[in-house]
Amino acid sequence: MAVCYNKLWKILIDKNMSKTQLIKEAKISTNAMAKLGKNEDVRVEVLVKICSALNCSMDDIMEIQTDKNC
């Protein structure tokens, strides 16, 4: 199974928000953002901070896929 964060990138585009702005707003590390960009696993705490900053749920920013194609 693979995690895909394409929904997160779409939300950022819709909100006209950069990754740097999200890092500051959600108070997450650049390392966590790099992992998100590579569709790697991140701590749930990071996802909660992002959801809080964007006022959304985890379903809105990620999806779990059975194949590795994201």
PDB file of N, CA and C in Angstrom:
ATOM      1  N   MET A   1       0.843  -1.192   0.000  1.00  0.00           N
ATOM      2  CA  MET A   1       0.000   0.000   0.000  1.00  0.00           C
ATOM      3  C   MET A   1       0.879   1.243   0.000  1.00  0.00           C
ATOM      4  N   ALA A   2       0.352   2.279  -0.587  1.00  0.00           N
ATOM      5  CA  ALA A   2       1.094   3.529  -0.687  1.00  0.00           C
ATOM      6  C   ALA A   2       0.201   4.697  -0.273  1.00  0.00           C
ATOM      7  N   VAL A   3       0.829   5.707   0.279  1.00  0.00           N
ATOM      8  CA  VAL A   3       0.119   6.928   0.659  1.00  0.00           C
ATOM      9  C   VAL A   3       0.332   7.948  -0.450  1.00  0.00           C
ATOM     10  N   CYS A   4      -0.721   8.632  -0.811  1.00  0.00           N
ATOM     11  CA  CYS A   4      -0.648   9.630  -1.866  1.00  0.00           C
ATOM     12  C   CYS A   4      -1.192  10.960  -1.331  1.00  0.00           C
ATOM     13  N   TYR A   5      -0.419  12.016  -1.498  1.00  0.00           N
ATOM     14  CA  TYR A   5      -0.801  13.337  -0.978  1.00  0.00           C
ATOM     15  C   TYR A   5      -1.229  14.303  -2.082  1.00  0.00           C
ATOM     16  N   ASN A   6      -1.651  13.788  -3.231  1.00  0.00           N
ATOM     17  CA  ASN A   6      -2.059  14.657  -4.327  1.00  0.00           C
ATOM     18  C   ASN A   6      -3.209  15.585  -3.929  1.00  0.00           C
ATOM     19  N   LYS A   7      -4.083  15.116  -3.058  1.00  0.00           N
ATOM     20  CA  LYS A   7      -5.194  15.959  -2.595  1.00  0.00           C
ATOM     21  C   LYS A   7      -4.673  17.187  -1.844  1.00  0.00           C
ATOM     22  N   LEU A   8      -3.597  17.011  -1.092  1.00  0.00           N
ATOM     23  CA  LEU A   8      -2.998  18.133  -0.364  1.00  0.00           C
ATOM     24  C   LEU A   8      -2.506  19.189  -1.338  1.00  0.00           C
ATOM     25  N   TRP A   9      -1.823  18.763  -2.395  1.00  0.00           N
ATOM     26  CA  TRP A   9      -1.283  19.731  -3.362  1.00  0.00           C
ATOM     27  C   TRP A   9      -2.410  20.471  -4.061  1.00  0.00           C
ATOM     28  N   LYS A  10      -3.527  19.778  -4.326  1.00  0.00           N
ATOM     29  CA  LYS A  10      -4.667  20.446  -4.955  1.00  0.00           C
ATOM     30  C   LYS A  10      -5.262  21.500  -4.026  1.00  0.00           C
ATOM     31  N   ILE A  11      -5.369  21.168  -2.740  1.00  0.00           N
ATOM     32  CA  ILE A  11      -5.891  22.146  -1.772  1.00  0.00           C
ATOM     33  C   ILE A  11      -4.992  23.384  -1.731  1.00  0.00           C
ATOM     34  N   LEU A  12      -3.677  23.164  -1.729  1.00  0.00           N
ATOM     35  CA  LEU A  12      -2.756  24.306  -1.703  1.00  0.00           C
ATOM     36  C   LEU A  12      -2.942  25.182  -2.936  1.00  0.00           C
ATOM     37  N   ILE A  13      -3.119  24.559  -4.092  1.00  0.00           N
ATOM     38  CA  ILE A  13      -3.358  25.323  -5.323  1.00  0.00           C
ATOM     39  C   ILE A  13      -4.660  26.094  -5.214  1.00  0.00           C
ATOM     40  N   ASP A  14      -5.722  25.428  -4.754  1.00  0.00           N
ATOM     41  CA  ASP A  14      -7.033  26.073  -4.619  1.00  0.00           C
ATOM     42  C   ASP A  14      -6.993  27.256  -3.656  1.00  0.00           C
ATOM     43  N   LYS A  15      -6.184  27.139  -2.597  1.00  0.00           N
ATOM     44  CA  LYS A  15      -6.067  28.211  -1.607  1.00  0.00           C
ATOM     45  C   LYS A  15      -4.971  29.212  -1.958  1.00  0.00           C
ATOM     46  N   ASN A  16      -4.306  28.989  -3.107  1.00  0.00           N
ATOM     47  CA  ASN A  16      -3.212  29.862  -3.546  1.00  0.00           C
ATOM     48  C   ASN A  16      -2.154  29.974  -2.449  1.00  0.00           C
ATOM     49  N   MET A  17      -1.785  28.820  -1.896  1.00  0.00           N
ATOM     50  CA  MET A  17      -0.842  28.753  -0.778  1.00  0.00           C
ATOM     51  C   MET A  17       0.386  27.955  -1.212  1.00  0.00           C
ATOM     52  N   SER A  18       1.551  28.439  -0.857  1.00  0.00           N
ATOM     53  CA  SER A  18       2.785  27.730  -1.194  1.00  0.00           C
ATOM     54  C   SER A  18       3.123  26.716  -0.107  1.00  0.00           C
ATOM     55  N   LYS A  19       4.029  25.809  -0.439  1.00  0.00           N
ATOM     56  CA  LYS A  19       4.486  24.836   0.546  1.00  0.00           C
ATOM     57  C   LYS A  19       5.166  25.546   1.712  1.00  0.00           C
ATOM     58  N   THR A  20       5.906  26.599   1.413  1.00  0.00           N
ATOM     59  CA  THR A  20       6.586  27.370   2.456  1.00  0.00           C
ATOM     60  C   THR A  20       5.564  28.009   3.399  1.00  0.00           C
ATOM     61  N   GLN A  21       4.503  28.535   2.852  1.00  0.00           N
ATOM     62  CA  GLN A  21       3.450  29.127   3.686  1.00  0.00           C
ATOM     63  C   GLN A  21       2.814  28.065   4.574  1.00  0.00           C
ATOM     64  N   LEU A  22       2.599  26.876   4.021  1.00  0.00           N
ATOM     65  CA  LEU A  22       2.010  25.799   4.815  1.00  0.00           C
ATOM     66  C   LEU A  22       2.948  25.376   5.938  1.00  0.00           C
ATOM     67  N   ILE A  23       4.236  25.310   5.658  1.00  0.00           N
ATOM     68  CA  ILE A  23       5.220  24.959   6.695  1.00  0.00           C
ATOM     69  C   ILE A  23       5.106  25.924   7.867  1.00  0.00           C
ATOM     70  N   LYS A  24       5.022  27.208   7.564  1.00  0.00           N
ATOM     71  CA  LYS A  24       4.929  28.226   8.622  1.00  0.00           C
ATOM     72  C   LYS A  24       3.590  28.168   9.333  1.00  0.00           C
ATOM     73  N   GLU A  25       2.516  28.055   8.565  1.00  0.00           N
ATOM     74  CA  GLU A  25       1.169  28.062   9.136  1.00  0.00           C
ATOM     75  C   GLU A  25       0.924  26.836  10.017  1.00  0.00           C
ATOM     76  N   ALA A  26       1.369  25.667   9.549  1.00  0.00           N
ATOM     77  CA  ALA A  26       1.122  24.420  10.280  1.00  0.00           C
ATOM     78  C   ALA A  26       2.215  24.113  11.302  1.00  0.00           C
ATOM     79  N   LYS A  27       3.297  24.894  11.251  1.00  0.00           N
ATOM     80  CA  LYS A  27       4.436  24.692  12.157  1.00  0.00           C
ATOM     81  C   LYS A  27       4.988  23.267  12.032  1.00  0.00           C
ATOM     82  N   ILE A  28       5.275  22.890  10.770  1.00  0.00           N
ATOM     83  CA  ILE A  28       5.897  21.591  10.501  1.00  0.00           C
ATOM     84  C   ILE A  28       7.298  21.830   9.956  1.00  0.00           C
ATOM     85  N   SER A  29       8.112  20.808   9.971  1.00  0.00           N
ATOM     86  CA  SER A  29       9.493  20.949   9.514  1.00  0.00           C
ATOM     87  C   SER A  29       9.587  20.842   7.995  1.00  0.00           C
ATOM     88  N   THR A  30      10.674  21.376   7.468  1.00  0.00           N
ATOM     89  CA  THR A  30      10.930  21.243   6.033  1.00  0.00           C
ATOM     90  C   THR A  30      11.171  19.780   5.680  1.00  0.00           C
ATOM     91  N   ASN A  31      11.713  19.029   6.621  1.00  0.00           N
ATOM     92  CA  ASN A  31      11.932  17.601   6.413  1.00  0.00           C
ATOM     93  C   ASN A  31      10.592  16.877   6.236  1.00  0.00           C
ATOM     94  N   ALA A  32       9.625  17.219   7.046  1.00  0.00           N
ATOM     95  CA  ALA A  32       8.294  16.616   6.916  1.00  0.00           C
ATOM     96  C   ALA A  32       7.686  16.966   5.558  1.00  0.00           C
ATOM     97  N   MET A  33       7.868  18.200   5.119  1.00  0.00           N
ATOM     98  CA  MET A  33       7.338  18.611   3.814  1.00  0.00           C
ATOM     99  C   MET A  33       8.027  17.843   2.689  1.00  0.00           C
ATOM    100  N   ALA A  34       9.327  17.621   2.828  1.00  0.00           N
ATOM    101  CA  ALA A  34      10.065  16.856   1.814  1.00  0.00           C
ATOM    102  C   ALA A  34       9.519  15.430   1.732  1.00  0.00           C
ATOM    103  N   LYS A  35       9.223  14.835   2.872  1.00  0.00           N
ATOM    104  CA  LYS A  35       8.661  13.481   2.889  1.00  0.00           C
ATOM    105  C   LYS A  35       7.286  13.462   2.228  1.00  0.00           C
ATOM    106  N   LEU A  36       6.478  14.475   2.494  1.00  0.00           N
ATOM    107  CA  LEU A  36       5.165  14.570   1.855  1.00  0.00           C
ATOM    108  C   LEU A  36       5.320  14.651   0.339  1.00  0.00           C
ATOM    109  N   GLY A  37       6.297  15.432  -0.107  1.00  0.00           N
ATOM    110  CA  GLY A  37       6.537  15.599  -1.536  1.00  0.00           C
ATOM    111  C   GLY A  37       6.945  14.308  -2.229  1.00  0.00           C
ATOM    112  N   LYS A  38       7.510  13.377  -1.467  1.00  0.00           N
ATOM    113  CA  LYS A  38       7.934  12.083  -2.017  1.00  0.00           C
ATOM    114  C   LYS A  38       6.923  10.980  -1.720  1.00  0.00           C
ATOM    115  N   ASN A  39       5.755  11.365  -1.198  1.00  0.00           N
ATOM    116  CA  ASN A  39       4.710  10.409  -0.798  1.00  0.00           C
ATOM    117  C   ASN A  39       5.240   9.365   0.179  1.00  0.00           C
ATOM    118  N   GLU A  40       6.098   9.822   1.091  1.00  0.00           N
ATOM    119  CA  GLU A  40       6.624   8.943   2.130  1.00  0.00           C
ATOM    120  C   GLU A  40       5.772   9.086   3.389  1.00  0.00           C
ATOM    121  N   ASP A  41       5.934   8.140   4.302  1.00  0.00           N
ATOM    122  CA  ASP A  41       5.188   8.181   5.554  1.00  0.00           C
ATOM    123  C   ASP A  41       5.652   9.340   6.425  1.00  0.00           C
ATOM    124  N   VAL A  42       4.696  10.014   7.045  1.00  0.00           N
ATOM    125  CA  VAL A  42       4.992  11.058   8.023  1.00  0.00           C
ATOM    126  C   VAL A  42       4.195  10.756   9.285  1.00  0.00           C
ATOM    127  N   ARG A  43       4.572  11.392  10.366  1.00  0.00           N
ATOM    128  CA  ARG A  43       3.876  11.182  11.631  1.00  0.00           C
ATOM    129  C   ARG A  43       2.452  11.720  11.547  1.00  0.00           C
ATOM    130  N   VAL A  44       1.563  11.069  12.270  1.00  0.00           N
ATOM    131  CA  VAL A  44       0.171  11.512  12.318  1.00  0.00           C
ATOM    132  C   VAL A  44       0.102  12.936  12.857  1.00  0.00           C
ATOM    133  N   GLU A  45       0.981  13.269  13.773  1.00  0.00           N
ATOM    134  CA  GLU A  45       1.028  14.621  14.342  1.00  0.00           C
ATOM    135  C   GLU A  45       1.201  15.671  13.237  1.00  0.00           C
ATOM    136  N   VAL A  46       2.023  15.376  12.257  1.00  0.00           N
ATOM    137  CA  VAL A  46       2.238  16.296  11.132  1.00  0.00           C
ATOM    138  C   VAL A  46       0.947  16.460  10.336  1.00  0.00           C
ATOM    139  N   LEU A  47       0.274  15.357  10.066  1.00  0.00           N
ATOM    140  CA  LEU A  47      -0.977  15.416   9.310  1.00  0.00           C
ATOM    141  C   LEU A  47      -2.047  16.192  10.076  1.00  0.00           C
ATOM    142  N   VAL A  48      -2.094  16.013  11.387  1.00  0.00           N
ATOM    143  CA  VAL A  48      -3.062  16.745  12.214  1.00  0.00           C
ATOM    144  C   VAL A  48      -2.785  18.249  12.156  1.00  0.00           C
ATOM    145  N   LYS A  49      -1.513  18.630  12.227  1.00  0.00           N
ATOM    146  CA  LYS A  49      -1.155  20.047  12.148  1.00  0.00           C
ATOM    147  C   LYS A  49      -1.559  20.642  10.802  1.00  0.00           C
ATOM    148  N   ILE A  50      -1.340  19.884   9.733  1.00  0.00           N
ATOM    149  CA  ILE A  50      -1.719  20.359   8.397  1.00  0.00           C
ATOM    150  C   ILE A  50      -3.229  20.512   8.307  1.00  0.00           C
ATOM    151  N   CYS A  51      -3.959  19.515   8.777  1.00  0.00           N
ATOM    152  CA  CYS A  51      -5.425  19.585   8.746  1.00  0.00           C
ATOM    153  C   CYS A  51      -5.948  20.764   9.557  1.00  0.00           C
ATOM    154  N   SER A  52      -5.322  21.015  10.683  1.00  0.00           N
ATOM    155  CA  SER A  52      -5.726  22.141  11.516  1.00  0.00           C
ATOM    156  C   SER A  52      -5.478  23.469  10.797  1.00  0.00           C
ATOM    157  N   ALA A  53      -4.320  23.582  10.156  1.00  0.00           N
ATOM    158  CA  ALA A  53      -3.982  24.818   9.445  1.00  0.00           C
ATOM    159  C   ALA A  53      -4.886  25.049   8.236  1.00  0.00           C
ATOM    160  N   LEU A  54      -5.283  23.966   7.575  1.00  0.00           N
ATOM    161  CA  LEU A  54      -6.112  24.086   6.372  1.00  0.00           C
ATOM    162  C   LEU A  54      -7.603  23.932   6.660  1.00  0.00           C
ATOM    163  N   ASN A  55      -7.935  23.657   7.928  1.00  0.00           N
ATOM    164  CA  ASN A  55      -9.329  23.477   8.334  1.00  0.00           C
ATOM    165  C   ASN A  55     -10.003  22.381   7.493  1.00  0.00           C
ATOM    166  N   CYS A  56      -9.374  21.202   7.509  1.00  0.00           N
ATOM    167  CA  CYS A  56      -9.901  20.078   6.742  1.00  0.00           C
ATOM    168  C   CYS A  56      -9.653  18.786   7.507  1.00  0.00           C
ATOM    169  N   SER A  57     -10.049  17.663   6.925  1.00  0.00           N
ATOM    170  CA  SER A  57      -9.818  16.364   7.559  1.00  0.00           C
ATOM    171  C   SER A  57      -8.714  15.618   6.805  1.00  0.00           C
ATOM    172  N   MET A  58      -8.260  14.520   7.387  1.00  0.00           N
ATOM    173  CA  MET A  58      -7.189  13.746   6.747  1.00  0.00           C
ATOM    174  C   MET A  58      -7.625  13.187   5.399  1.00  0.00           C
ATOM    175  N   ASP A  59      -8.894  12.842   5.275  1.00  0.00           N
ATOM    176  CA  ASP A  59      -9.405  12.354   3.990  1.00  0.00           C
ATOM    177  C   ASP A  59      -9.272  13.406   2.896  1.00  0.00           C
ATOM    178  N   ASP A  60      -9.261  14.674   3.291  1.00  0.00           N
ATOM    179  CA  ASP A  60      -9.159  15.759   2.318  1.00  0.00           C
ATOM    180  C   ASP A  60      -7.744  15.946   1.779  1.00  0.00           C
ATOM    181  N   ILE A  61      -6.730  15.450   2.500  1.00  0.00           N
ATOM    182  CA  ILE A  61      -5.346  15.723   2.088  1.00  0.00           C
ATOM    183  C   ILE A  61      -4.569  14.486   1.651  1.00  0.00           C
ATOM    184  N   MET A  62      -5.120  13.297   1.895  1.00  0.00           N
ATOM    185  CA  MET A  62      -4.373  12.093   1.543  1.00  0.00           C
ATOM    186  C   MET A  62      -5.301  10.952   1.197  1.00  0.00           C
ATOM    187  N   GLU A  63      -4.741   9.969   0.513  1.00  0.00           N
ATOM    188  CA  GLU A  63      -5.467   8.735   0.264  1.00  0.00           C
ATOM    189  C   GLU A  63      -4.475   7.582   0.289  1.00  0.00           C
ATOM    190  N   ILE A  64      -4.976   6.432   0.678  1.00  0.00           N
ATOM    191  CA  ILE A  64      -4.157   5.229   0.714  1.00  0.00           C
ATOM    192  C   ILE A  64      -4.537   4.383  -0.483  1.00  0.00           C
ATOM    193  N   GLN A  65      -3.510   4.032  -1.260  1.00  0.00           N
ATOM    194  CA  GLN A  65      -3.754   3.257  -2.479  1.00  0.00           C
ATOM    195  C   GLN A  65      -3.125   1.882  -2.340  1.00  0.00           C
ATOM    196  N   THR A  66      -3.790   0.906  -2.892  1.00  0.00           N
ATOM    197  CA  THR A  66      -3.288  -0.462  -2.802  1.00  0.00           C
ATOM    198  C   THR A  66      -2.124  -0.693  -3.743  1.00  0.00           C
ATOM    199  N   ASP A  67      -2.081   0.026  -4.856  1.00  0.00           N
ATOM    200  CA  ASP A  67      -0.921  -0.075  -5.743  1.00  0.00           C
ATOM    201  C   ASP A  67       0.004   1.085  -5.468  1.00  0.00           C
ATOM    202  N   LYS A  68       1.176   1.060  -6.021  1.00  0.00           N
ATOM    203  CA  LYS A  68       2.169   2.097  -5.714  1.00  0.00           C
ATOM    204  C   LYS A  68       2.101   3.271  -6.683  1.00  0.00           C
ATOM    205  N   ASN A  69       1.088   3.293  -7.530  1.00  0.00           N
ATOM    206  CA  ASN A  69       0.941   4.404  -8.471  1.00  0.00           C
ATOM    207  C   ASN A  69       0.148   5.522  -7.818  1.00  0.00           C
ATOM    208  N   CYS A  70       0.773   6.671  -7.764  1.00  0.00           N
ATOM    209  CA  CYS A  70       0.119   7.805  -7.138  1.00  0.00           C
ATOM    210  C   CYS A  70      -0.186   8.847  -8.195  1.00  0.00           C
TER     211      CYS A  70
END
